[in-house]
Amino acid sequence: QVQLVESGGGLVQAGGSLRLSCAASRRTVSSYNMGWFRQAPGKEREFVAAISRTGGPTNYAVSVKGRFTISKVDTNDTVYLQMNSLKPEDTAVYYCAADPRRLIGTPSSAMRGYDYWGQGTQVTVSS
């Protein structure tokens, strides 16, 4: 059973930075494509970023490209989301997810296929 646990959320002023972490079950990060999604109050869950199981290809939502960076450390079974230049509209619960389909190339931005999810961590950006 794959388990994912997010941490690192909090309250930050606009323009600030946060780094989210997702601790995964052993060998998950090296075996599966990993993604970050977010859900703001009253809105649907949306894609933020994803990284290939190979650590090569990445994928970003247009709204975060150039500000957020996804990375991983296989030996620590951890995925990170470095968030810079945060805006109030980045306020949401951020979820880590794992896609077990062993796809190659650019990791998917669609929620379907990400079979495993964490409980989420709250990020609040004040103006």
Foldseek 3Di string as FASTA:
>chain_A
DKAKAKDWADEEAAQAKTKMKIAMPQQQLLQWKKFKWWDDPPGDIFGAKIAGSPQPAIDGDPVQPPFWDWGDDNVRNMIMIIGGRDDQVVWTWMKMFTANPNDDDYDDRDPPRRPDIYPTDTHGYHD
